[in-house]
Amino acid sequence: METITSISLQPLLAKHYPQVKSIYEQGIATQNATLETSAPAWEKWNEGHLSHSRLVALAPDGNVAGWAALSPVSGRCVYGGVAEVSIYLGENYRGKGIGPRLLQELIISSEANGIWTLQAGILKENEASVALHQKCGFRVVGLRERLGQLNGQWRDTYLLERRSAIVGV
């Protein structure tokens, strides 16, 4: 595995969204990254994610190599410290050590913003994403069978979570 060490992690801004959307569409094309079949416009994406803990990994040439963001799991205030992780890497940047850096920085940012539990729903076939999350302290809490359909086929997802050791203890 070739590691890219000169990646810069920065806040994800609207100006990054065309590349963020393209990377998301690459994930959609694998049919193992999400049950979604299309990427939303910036406005809808922006509304669906928390305003903090949005990151891009920028390659030395300035291109977005990957991104990570959090979504609320519920509108109920009692779940205000629980968020859903999204993390995607561009197809040319996978397996280069960027994922762990991006996810670890997302964890740090989430804790700085009062998040005590991160969760991730990962399609069963996406072994690389499960391994990445486990490497960063997530644990599998269950397999959700036939959770949703993609192209008419029922898909199973693992539910993973990471409980903060510093927030909400």
Protein backbone atom coordinates (compact mmCIF):
# COMPACT_ATOMS: atom_id res chain seq x y z
CA MET A 1 0.00 0.00 0.00
CA GLU A 2 1.37 3.37 -1.02
CA THR A 3 0.71 5.92 1.71
CA ILE A 4 0.15 9.55 0.80
CA THR A 5 1.54 11.67 3.63
CA SER A 6 1.07 15.11 2.10
CA ILE A 7 -2.71 15.09 2.38
CA SER A 8 -4.19 18.23 3.93
CA LEU A 9 -7.37 17.92 6.01
CA GLN A 10 -9.57 21.01 5.80
CA PRO A 11 -13.19 21.99 6.46
CA LEU A 12 -15.59 20.88 3.71
CA LEU A 13 -17.00 24.01 2.09
CA ALA A 14 -19.56 24.60 -0.65
CA LYS A 15 -16.73 25.17 -3.13
CA HIS A 16 -15.60 21.55 -2.59
CA TYR A 17 -19.02 20.08 -3.26
CA PRO A 18 -18.62 19.37 -7.00
CA GLN A 19 -15.69 17.06 -6.20
CA VAL A 20 -17.38 15.73 -3.04
CA LYS A 21 -20.45 14.89 -5.13
CA SER A 22 -18.28 13.17 -7.75
CA ILE A 23 -16.64 11.01 -5.07
CA TYR A 24 -20.06 10.17 -3.64
CA GLU A 25 -21.21 9.16 -7.13
CA GLN A 26 -18.16 6.89 -7.40
CA GLY A 27 -19.30 5.23 -4.17
CA ILE A 28 -22.84 4.90 -5.50
CA ALA A 29 -21.48 3.22 -8.64
CA THR A 30 -19.86 0.44 -6.57
CA GLN A 31 -23.32 -0.53 -5.26
CA ASN A 32 -21.64 -1.37 -1.93
CA ALA A 33 -21.20 2.08 -0.38
CA THR A 34 -24.78 3.30 0.00
CA LEU A 35 -28.38 2.45 -0.78
CA GLU A 36 -28.76 5.82 -2.47
CA THR A 37 -28.87 5.87 -6.26
CA SER A 38 -28.04 9.53 -6.87
CA ALA A 39 -26.16 12.34 -5.19
CA PRO A 40 -28.16 15.36 -4.05
CA ALA A 41 -27.62 19.00 -4.96
CA TRP A 42 -25.51 21.00 -2.51
CA GLU A 43 -28.53 22.56 -0.79
CA LYS A 44 -30.07 19.21 0.11
CA TRP A 45 -26.71 17.72 1.13
CA ASN A 46 -25.96 20.78 3.28
CA GLU A 47 -29.35 20.56 5.04
CA GLY A 48 -28.88 16.86 5.79
CA HIS A 49 -25.51 17.15 7.51
CA LEU A 50 -24.43 18.79 10.75
CA SER A 51 -22.81 22.19 10.26
CA HIS A 52 -19.67 21.07 12.11
CA SER A 53 -17.39 18.08 11.54
CA ARG A 54 -17.27 18.30 7.74
CA LEU A 55 -13.87 17.52 6.30
CA VAL A 56 -12.13 17.10 2.98
CA ALA A 57 -8.78 15.45 2.37
CA LEU A 58 -6.95 17.51 -0.22
CA ALA A 59 -4.24 15.91 -2.36
CA PRO A 60 -1.04 17.86 -3.10
CA ASP A 61 -2.55 18.98 -6.43
CA GLY A 62 -5.54 20.53 -4.60
CA ASN A 63 -8.04 17.87 -5.66
CA VAL A 64 -10.41 16.38 -3.09
CA ALA A 65 -9.16 12.86 -2.31
CA GLY A 66 -11.95 12.09 0.15
CA TRP A 67 -14.48 13.56 2.49
CA ALA A 68 -16.24 12.87 5.78
CA ALA A 69 -19.27 14.42 7.45
CA LEU A 70 -21.87 13.77 10.13
CA SER A 71 -25.66 13.59 9.94
CA PRO A 72 -28.03 13.77 12.88
CA VAL A 73 -29.66 10.44 13.73
CA SER A 74 -32.79 12.05 15.16
CA GLY A 75 -34.46 15.39 15.63
CA ARG A 76 -35.13 14.54 19.27
CA CYS A 77 -32.93 16.50 21.67
CA VAL A 78 -32.05 13.40 23.72
CA TYR A 79 -30.09 12.12 20.69
CA GLY A 80 -28.29 15.41 20.06
CA GLY A 81 -24.95 13.80 20.86
CA VAL A 82 -25.38 10.92 18.43
CA ALA A 83 -24.40 11.27 14.79
CA GLU A 84 -24.14 9.11 11.66
CA VAL A 85 -20.77 8.98 9.86
CA SER A 86 -20.34 9.34 6.12
CA ILE A 87 -16.85 8.83 4.73
CA TYR A 88 -15.92 8.41 1.08
CA LEU A 89 -12.61 8.22 -0.75
CA GLY A 90 -12.03 8.90 -4.42
CA GLU A 91 -11.35 5.73 -6.36
CA ASN A 92 -7.74 6.79 -7.08
CA TYR A 93 -7.07 7.44 -3.39
CA ARG A 94 -8.31 4.24 -1.75
CA GLY A 95 -5.83 2.08 0.12
CA LYS A 96 -3.33 4.91 0.61
CA GLY A 97 -3.81 5.62 4.32
CA ILE A 98 -6.16 8.58 3.85
CA GLY A 99 -9.27 6.92 5.33
CA PRO A 100 -7.88 6.45 8.85
CA ARG A 101 -6.54 10.03 8.97
CA LEU A 102 -9.87 11.42 7.80
CA LEU A 103 -11.95 9.31 10.18
CA GLN A 104 -9.69 10.04 13.17
CA GLU A 105 -9.93 13.78 12.50
CA LEU A 106 -13.72 13.46 12.18
CA ILE A 107 -13.79 11.75 15.59
CA ILE A 108 -11.74 14.57 17.15
CA SER A 109 -14.03 17.19 15.60
CA SER A 110 -17.17 15.36 16.70
CA GLU A 111 -15.98 15.21 20.29
CA ALA A 112 -15.03 18.90 20.23
CA ASN A 113 -18.66 19.53 19.24
CA GLY A 114 -20.25 17.42 22.00
CA ILE A 115 -20.92 14.19 20.11
CA TRP A 116 -20.76 11.19 22.44
CA THR A 117 -21.69 8.40 20.01
CA LEU A 118 -20.86 7.96 16.35
CA GLN A 119 -22.62 5.30 14.36
CA ALA A 120 -22.18 3.94 10.87
CA GLY A 121 -24.47 1.79 8.76
CA ILE A 122 -22.26 -0.14 6.34
CA LEU A 123 -23.40 -2.54 3.65
CA LYS A 124 -22.34 -6.07 4.55
CA GLU A 125 -20.23 -6.45 1.42
CA ASN A 126 -18.20 -3.29 2.11
CA GLU A 127 -15.43 -5.07 4.02
CA ALA A 128 -12.94 -2.21 3.56
CA SER A 129 -15.24 0.28 5.25
CA VAL A 130 -16.02 -2.09 8.13
CA ALA A 131 -12.26 -2.63 8.63
CA LEU A 132 -11.57 1.13 8.52
CA HIS A 133 -14.18 1.86 11.17
CA GLN A 134 -12.97 -0.97 13.40
CA LYS A 135 -9.39 0.31 13.06
CA CYS A 136 -10.66 3.67 14.36
CA GLY A 137 -12.40 2.25 17.43
CA PHE A 138 -15.85 1.35 16.14
CA ARG A 139 -17.43 -1.97 17.03
CA VAL A 140 -20.08 -3.97 15.22
CA VAL A 141 -23.24 -3.94 17.33
CA GLY A 142 -25.41 -5.89 14.92
CA LEU A 143 -26.38 -6.98 11.46
CA ARG A 144 -29.57 -5.37 10.16
CA GLU A 145 -31.05 -7.85 7.71
CA ARG A 146 -32.95 -6.66 4.66
CA LEU A 147 -32.73 -3.07 5.86
CA GLY A 148 -33.30 -1.53 2.45
CA GLN A 149 -33.38 -2.22 -1.24
CA LEU A 150 -30.93 -1.24 -3.93
CA ASN A 151 -32.02 -1.87 -7.50
CA GLY A 152 -34.76 -4.21 -6.29
CA GLN A 153 -32.44 -6.33 -4.13
CA TRP A 154 -32.70 -6.44 -0.34
CA ARG A 155 -29.41 -5.51 1.34
CA ASP A 156 -28.05 -6.16 4.82
CA THR A 157 -26.06 -3.59 6.76
CA TYR A 158 -23.81 -3.76 9.77
CA LEU A 159 -24.46 -1.20 12.46
CA LEU A 160 -21.21 0.00 14.00
CA GLU A 161 -20.74 2.50 16.81
CA ARG A 162 -18.01 4.32 18.63
CA ARG A 163 -18.63 5.71 22.09
CA SER A 164 -16.51 8.67 23.14
CA ALA A 165 -14.25 8.21 26.14
CA ILE A 166 -14.28 11.96 26.83
CA VAL A 167 -17.76 13.27 25.94
CA GLY A 168 -20.81 12.21 27.91
CA VAL A 169 -18.90 10.08 30.39
